Amino acid sequence: MKEAATETSRRPSKPRSGACCSELPKDYGQDLLMFGGYTEDESMNREATNETWLFSLAEDLWSKVTCKSSDIPR
């Protein structure tokens, strides 16, 4: 799973709401997977995102995951 990560940071690119988050099985370590949601800019304009992020609880680090599909979330 971590091989697909493309960038790491202490937090995702923008704050978001409405994302789906799930804990991965113990075989993957202490990780959470977050997909989608809405981001807001300084003018409070909401935009849907299809970004996927992996959060390592052990390292306190987010990694952006590149997905094979480029479909827009519905």
C-alpha atoms as a PDB file:
ATOM      1  CA  MET A   1       0.000   0.000   0.000  1.00  0.00           C
ATOM      2  CA  LYS A   2       2.678   2.527   0.931  1.00  0.00           C
ATOM      3  CA  GLU A   3       4.481   1.965  -2.389  1.00  0.00           C
ATOM      4  CA  ALA A   4       1.719   3.972  -4.089  1.00  0.00           C
ATOM      5  CA  ALA A   5       2.309   7.085  -1.973  1.00  0.00           C
ATOM      6  CA  THR A   6       3.530  10.058  -3.987  1.00  0.00           C
ATOM      7  CA  GLU A   7       4.160  12.752  -1.388  1.00  0.00           C
ATOM      8  CA  THR A   8       4.279  13.049   2.370  1.00  0.00           C
ATOM      9  CA  SER A   9       3.411  15.876   4.732  1.00  0.00           C
ATOM     10  CA  ARG A  10       2.237  16.554   8.254  1.00  0.00           C
ATOM     11  CA  ARG A  11      -1.300  17.134   6.903  1.00  0.00           C
ATOM     12  CA  PRO A  12      -3.267  16.908   3.631  1.00  0.00           C
ATOM     13  CA  SER A  13      -3.000  19.791   1.167  1.00  0.00           C
ATOM     14  CA  LYS A  14      -6.123  21.591   2.454  1.00  0.00           C
ATOM     15  CA  PRO A  15      -8.441  21.144   5.429  1.00  0.00           C
ATOM     16  CA  ARG A  16     -11.505  19.132   4.465  1.00  0.00           C
ATOM     17  CA  SER A  17     -14.879  17.949   5.663  1.00  0.00           C
ATOM     18  CA  GLY A  18     -17.109  15.052   4.688  1.00  0.00           C
ATOM     19  CA  ALA A  19     -14.249  12.664   3.881  1.00  0.00           C
ATOM     20  CA  CYS A  20     -14.543   8.908   4.331  1.00  0.00           C
ATOM     21  CA  CYS A  21     -11.932   7.437   6.669  1.00  0.00           C
ATOM     22  CA  SER A  22     -11.198   3.815   7.527  1.00  0.00           C
ATOM     23  CA  GLU A  23      -8.626   1.949   9.599  1.00  0.00           C
ATOM     24  CA  LEU A  24      -6.613  -0.541   7.563  1.00  0.00           C
ATOM     25  CA  PRO A  25      -6.138  -4.155   8.712  1.00  0.00           C
ATOM     26  CA  LYS A  26      -3.333  -4.730  11.217  1.00  0.00           C
ATOM     27  CA  ASP A  27      -1.216  -6.353   8.449  1.00  0.00           C
ATOM     28  CA  TYR A  28      -0.647  -2.835   7.054  1.00  0.00           C
ATOM     29  CA  GLY A  29       0.511  -1.363  10.358  1.00  0.00           C
ATOM     30  CA  GLN A  30      -1.207   1.458  12.187  1.00  0.00           C
ATOM     31  CA  ASP A  31      -2.641   3.300   9.192  1.00  0.00           C
ATOM     32  CA  LEU A  32      -5.842   5.134   8.318  1.00  0.00           C
ATOM     33  CA  LEU A  33      -7.070   5.652   4.759  1.00  0.00           C
ATOM     34  CA  MET A  34      -8.988   8.845   3.927  1.00  0.00           C
ATOM     35  CA  PHE A  35     -10.812   9.472   0.643  1.00  0.00           C
ATOM     36  CA  GLY A  36     -12.659  12.439  -0.805  1.00  0.00           C
ATOM     37  CA  GLY A  37     -14.585  15.085   1.010  1.00  0.00           C
ATOM     38  CA  TYR A  38     -14.786  18.811   0.431  1.00  0.00           C
ATOM     39  CA  THR A  39     -12.093  21.467   0.659  1.00  0.00           C
ATOM     40  CA  GLU A  40     -12.646  25.191   1.177  1.00  0.00           C
ATOM     41  CA  ASP A  41     -10.575  28.130   0.001  1.00  0.00           C
ATOM     42  CA  GLU A  42     -10.151  31.479   1.764  1.00  0.00           C
ATOM     43  CA  SER A  43     -13.476  32.699   0.295  1.00  0.00           C
ATOM     44  CA  MET A  44     -15.301  29.678   1.784  1.00  0.00           C
ATOM     45  CA  ASN A  45     -15.954  28.159  -1.669  1.00  0.00           C
ATOM     46  CA  ARG A  46     -16.427  24.392  -1.313  1.00  0.00           C
ATOM     47  CA  GLU A  47     -14.997  21.976  -3.848  1.00  0.00           C
ATOM     48  CA  ALA A  48     -15.311  18.180  -3.966  1.00  0.00           C
ATOM     49  CA  THR A  49     -12.022  16.292  -3.991  1.00  0.00           C
ATOM     50  CA  ASN A  50     -11.146  12.745  -4.982  1.00  0.00           C
ATOM     51  CA  GLU A  51      -7.768  12.759  -3.227  1.00  0.00           C
ATOM     52  CA  THR A  52      -6.773   9.705  -1.220  1.00  0.00           C
ATOM     53  CA  TRP A  53      -4.459  10.040   1.788  1.00  0.00           C
ATOM     54  CA  LEU A  54      -2.840   7.449   4.047  1.00  0.00           C
ATOM     55  CA  PHE A  55      -2.131   8.458   7.661  1.00  0.00           C
ATOM     56  CA  SER A  56       0.509   6.603   9.655  1.00  0.00           C
ATOM     57  CA  LEU A  57      -0.389   6.703  13.347  1.00  0.00           C
ATOM     58  CA  ALA A  58       3.078   5.399  14.209  1.00  0.00           C
ATOM     59  CA  GLU A  59       4.880   8.160  12.267  1.00  0.00           C
ATOM     60  CA  ASP A  60       2.252  10.945  12.573  1.00  0.00           C
ATOM     61  CA  LEU A  61       2.620  11.443   8.819  1.00  0.00           C
ATOM     62  CA  TRP A  62       0.203  11.786   5.873  1.00  0.00           C
ATOM     63  CA  SER A  63       1.049  10.322   2.447  1.00  0.00           C
ATOM     64  CA  LYS A  64      -0.922  11.226  -0.668  1.00  0.00           C
ATOM     65  CA  VAL A  65      -1.856   8.101  -2.631  1.00  0.00           C
ATOM     66  CA  THR A  66      -2.181   8.118  -6.406  1.00  0.00           C
ATOM     67  CA  CYS A  67      -5.251   6.217  -7.558  1.00  0.00           C
ATOM     68  CA  LYS A  68      -5.589   4.487 -10.916  1.00  0.00           C
ATOM     69  CA  SER A  69      -8.970   6.090 -11.653  1.00  0.00           C
ATOM     70  CA  SER A  70      -9.355   9.783 -12.422  1.00  0.00           C
ATOM     71  CA  ASP A  71     -13.156   9.768 -12.146  1.00  0.00           C
ATOM     72  CA  ILE A  72     -14.716  12.739 -10.384  1.00  0.00           C
ATOM     73  CA  PRO A  73     -16.535  11.841  -7.130  1.00  0.00           C
ATOM     74  CA  ARG A  74     -20.323  11.840  -7.290  1.00  0.00           C
END
